[in-house]
Amino acid sequence: MSKKLTILIEDSVYEGLHQVVGRGSISKFIENLARPHVAHKDLGAQYREAARDAARERVPPRTLGADKG
């Protein structure tokens, strides 16, 4: 369920949102920015997500030409 919210922002921020994000995507953009700060996830899910990120960070990236003899 969605709720309508009216906010006041400076003109320059408003114009930047229109230029960068686009008129039809501003609500979703702001929601995605705010969600990590206000929506509470299951703590176990957060730990599992962090573990996947840590495992991915340990894998060294392939370099171009590394597989050639």
N, C-alpha and C. Protein backbone atom coordinates (compact mmCIF):
# COMPACT_ATOMS: atom_id res chain seq x y z
N MET A 1 0.84 -1.17 0.00
CA MET A 1 0.00 0.00 0.00
C MET A 1 0.89 1.23 0.00
N SER A 2 0.55 2.20 -0.81
CA SER A 2 1.30 3.44 -0.90
C SER A 2 0.55 4.57 -0.23
N LYS A 3 1.30 5.53 0.26
CA LYS A 3 0.74 6.74 0.88
C LYS A 3 1.27 7.95 0.14
N LYS A 4 0.45 8.96 0.01
CA LYS A 4 0.88 10.20 -0.63
C LYS A 4 1.57 11.08 0.41
N LEU A 5 2.69 11.68 0.02
CA LEU A 5 3.47 12.52 0.91
C LEU A 5 3.83 13.81 0.17
N THR A 6 3.62 14.93 0.82
CA THR A 6 4.01 16.21 0.24
C THR A 6 5.22 16.72 1.01
N ILE A 7 6.28 17.06 0.27
CA ILE A 7 7.49 17.58 0.92
C ILE A 7 7.88 18.89 0.24
N LEU A 8 8.64 19.70 0.95
CA LEU A 8 9.17 20.94 0.40
C LEU A 8 10.67 20.79 0.23
N ILE A 9 11.16 21.09 -0.96
CA ILE A 9 12.60 21.03 -1.24
C ILE A 9 12.99 22.29 -2.01
N GLU A 10 14.27 22.61 -1.97
CA GLU A 10 14.78 23.77 -2.69
C GLU A 10 14.61 23.57 -4.19
N ASP A 11 14.49 24.67 -4.89
CA ASP A 11 14.30 24.63 -6.34
C ASP A 11 15.42 23.86 -7.05
N SER A 12 16.65 24.07 -6.60
CA SER A 12 17.78 23.41 -7.26
C SER A 12 17.72 21.89 -7.10
N VAL A 13 17.26 21.43 -5.94
CA VAL A 13 17.12 19.99 -5.71
C VAL A 13 16.00 19.44 -6.59
N TYR A 14 14.91 20.15 -6.67
CA TYR A 14 13.78 19.75 -7.51
C TYR A 14 14.21 19.62 -8.97
N GLU A 15 14.90 20.63 -9.47
CA GLU A 15 15.38 20.59 -10.86
C GLU A 15 16.36 19.45 -11.08
N GLY A 16 17.24 19.23 -10.11
CA GLY A 16 18.20 18.13 -10.22
C GLY A 16 17.51 16.78 -10.26
N LEU A 17 16.50 16.60 -9.44
CA LEU A 17 15.74 15.35 -9.47
C LEU A 17 15.11 15.12 -10.83
N HIS A 18 14.54 16.15 -11.40
CA HIS A 18 13.92 16.01 -12.72
C HIS A 18 14.95 15.69 -13.79
N GLN A 19 16.11 16.31 -13.71
CA GLN A 19 17.14 16.09 -14.73
C GLN A 19 17.79 14.72 -14.59
N VAL A 20 18.11 14.33 -13.37
CA VAL A 20 18.88 13.10 -13.14
C VAL A 20 17.99 11.87 -13.07
N VAL A 21 16.91 11.94 -12.32
CA VAL A 21 16.07 10.78 -12.07
C VAL A 21 14.92 10.69 -13.06
N GLY A 22 14.36 11.81 -13.43
CA GLY A 22 13.21 11.82 -14.33
C GLY A 22 11.91 11.98 -13.56
N ARG A 23 10.97 12.63 -14.16
CA ARG A 23 9.73 12.99 -13.49
C ARG A 23 8.99 11.78 -12.93
N GLY A 24 8.87 10.71 -13.67
CA GLY A 24 8.09 9.56 -13.23
C GLY A 24 8.79 8.66 -12.22
N SER A 25 10.04 8.93 -11.89
CA SER A 25 10.80 8.04 -11.02
C SER A 25 11.22 8.66 -9.70
N ILE A 26 10.85 9.89 -9.44
CA ILE A 26 11.30 10.60 -8.24
C ILE A 26 10.82 9.91 -6.97
N SER A 27 9.57 9.50 -6.92
CA SER A 27 9.04 8.85 -5.71
C SER A 27 9.82 7.59 -5.37
N LYS A 28 10.05 6.74 -6.38
CA LYS A 28 10.78 5.49 -6.15
C LYS A 28 12.22 5.78 -5.73
N PHE A 29 12.84 6.79 -6.34
CA PHE A 29 14.20 7.17 -6.01
C PHE A 29 14.30 7.58 -4.53
N ILE A 30 13.39 8.44 -4.09
CA ILE A 30 13.40 8.89 -2.70
C ILE A 30 13.09 7.73 -1.75
N GLU A 31 12.15 6.87 -2.15
CA GLU A 31 11.82 5.71 -1.32
C GLU A 31 13.03 4.80 -1.15
N ASN A 32 13.76 4.55 -2.23
CA ASN A 32 14.95 3.69 -2.15
C ASN A 32 16.05 4.31 -1.28
N LEU A 33 16.16 5.63 -1.28
CA LEU A 33 17.14 6.30 -0.42
C LEU A 33 16.74 6.21 1.05
N ALA A 34 15.46 6.37 1.32
CA ALA A 34 14.98 6.41 2.70
C ALA A 34 14.85 5.03 3.33
N ARG A 35 14.51 4.02 2.54
CA ARG A 35 14.20 2.69 3.07
C ARG A 35 15.26 2.12 4.03
N PRO A 36 16.55 2.16 3.70
CA PRO A 36 17.53 1.58 4.63
C PRO A 36 17.58 2.28 5.99
N HIS A 37 17.13 3.50 6.04
CA HIS A 37 17.19 4.27 7.27
C HIS A 37 15.95 4.14 8.15
N VAL A 38 14.85 3.71 7.54
CA VAL A 38 13.60 3.69 8.30
C VAL A 38 12.88 2.35 8.31
N ALA A 39 13.12 1.50 7.33
CA ALA A 39 12.45 0.20 7.28
C ALA A 39 13.34 -0.84 7.96
N HIS A 40 12.78 -1.58 8.88
CA HIS A 40 13.56 -2.56 9.64
C HIS A 40 13.43 -3.94 9.03
N LYS A 41 14.56 -4.54 8.73
CA LYS A 41 14.61 -5.89 8.20
C LYS A 41 14.83 -6.86 9.34
N ASP A 42 14.63 -8.10 9.01
CA ASP A 42 14.97 -9.18 9.92
C ASP A 42 16.49 -9.18 10.10
N LEU A 43 16.97 -9.20 11.34
CA LEU A 43 18.40 -9.14 11.62
C LEU A 43 19.13 -10.31 10.98
N GLY A 44 18.53 -11.49 11.01
CA GLY A 44 19.15 -12.66 10.38
C GLY A 44 19.34 -12.46 8.89
N ALA A 45 18.37 -11.86 8.23
CA ALA A 45 18.48 -11.59 6.80
C ALA A 45 19.60 -10.59 6.53
N GLN A 46 19.76 -9.61 7.40
CA GLN A 46 20.84 -8.65 7.24
C GLN A 46 22.21 -9.32 7.36
N TYR A 47 22.36 -10.24 8.32
CA TYR A 47 23.63 -10.95 8.48
C TYR A 47 23.92 -11.83 7.26
N ARG A 48 22.89 -12.52 6.74
CA ARG A 48 23.09 -13.35 5.56
C ARG A 48 23.50 -12.50 4.36
N GLU A 49 22.88 -11.36 4.20
CA GLU A 49 23.23 -10.46 3.11
C GLU A 49 24.66 -9.95 3.24
N ALA A 50 25.06 -9.59 4.45
CA ALA A 50 26.43 -9.13 4.68
C ALA A 50 27.44 -10.24 4.42
N ALA A 51 27.10 -11.48 4.78
CA ALA A 51 28.00 -12.61 4.55
C ALA A 51 28.18 -12.84 3.06
N ARG A 52 27.12 -12.73 2.27
CA ARG A 52 27.25 -12.89 0.82
C ARG A 52 28.14 -11.80 0.24
N ASP A 53 27.98 -10.56 0.72
CA ASP A 53 28.82 -9.47 0.24
C ASP A 53 30.28 -9.71 0.60
N ALA A 54 30.54 -10.17 1.81
CA ALA A 54 31.92 -10.42 2.25
C ALA A 54 32.55 -11.53 1.41
N ALA A 55 31.79 -12.59 1.13
CA ALA A 55 32.31 -13.69 0.31
C ALA A 55 32.62 -13.20 -1.10
N ARG A 56 31.78 -12.37 -1.64
CA ARG A 56 31.99 -11.85 -2.99
C ARG A 56 33.22 -10.94 -3.02
N GLU A 57 33.46 -10.20 -1.96
CA GLU A 57 34.61 -9.30 -1.91
C GLU A 57 35.92 -10.06 -1.82
N ARG A 58 35.91 -11.30 -1.27
CA ARG A 58 37.14 -12.08 -1.14
C ARG A 58 37.60 -12.68 -2.46
N VAL A 59 36.69 -12.84 -3.42
CA VAL A 59 37.05 -13.42 -4.71
C VAL A 59 37.77 -12.37 -5.53
N PRO A 60 39.05 -12.65 -5.91
CA PRO A 60 39.80 -11.65 -6.67
C PRO A 60 39.21 -11.50 -8.08
N PRO A 61 39.12 -10.28 -8.57
CA PRO A 61 38.58 -10.08 -9.93
C PRO A 61 39.54 -10.61 -10.98
N ARG A 62 39.00 -11.11 -12.09
CA ARG A 62 39.84 -11.57 -13.19
C ARG A 62 40.41 -10.36 -13.91
N THR A 63 41.65 -10.48 -14.30
CA THR A 63 42.27 -9.39 -15.06
C THR A 63 42.30 -9.79 -16.52
N LEU A 64 42.28 -8.82 -17.39
CA LEU A 64 42.33 -9.10 -18.82
C LEU A 64 43.62 -9.81 -19.18
N GLY A 65 43.51 -10.87 -19.92
CA GLY A 65 44.69 -11.59 -20.38
C GLY A 65 45.31 -12.50 -19.35
N ALA A 66 44.72 -12.64 -18.17
CA ALA A 66 45.31 -13.48 -17.13
C ALA A 66 45.27 -14.96 -17.47
N ASP A 67 44.31 -15.36 -18.34
CA ASP A 67 44.19 -16.77 -18.66
C ASP A 67 45.03 -17.16 -19.87
N LYS A 68 45.74 -16.24 -20.46
CA LYS A 68 46.60 -16.55 -21.62
C LYS A 68 47.99 -16.92 -21.15
N GLY A 69 48.58 -17.88 -21.82
CA GLY A 69 49.89 -18.38 -21.43
C GLY A 69 50.97 -17.59 -21.86
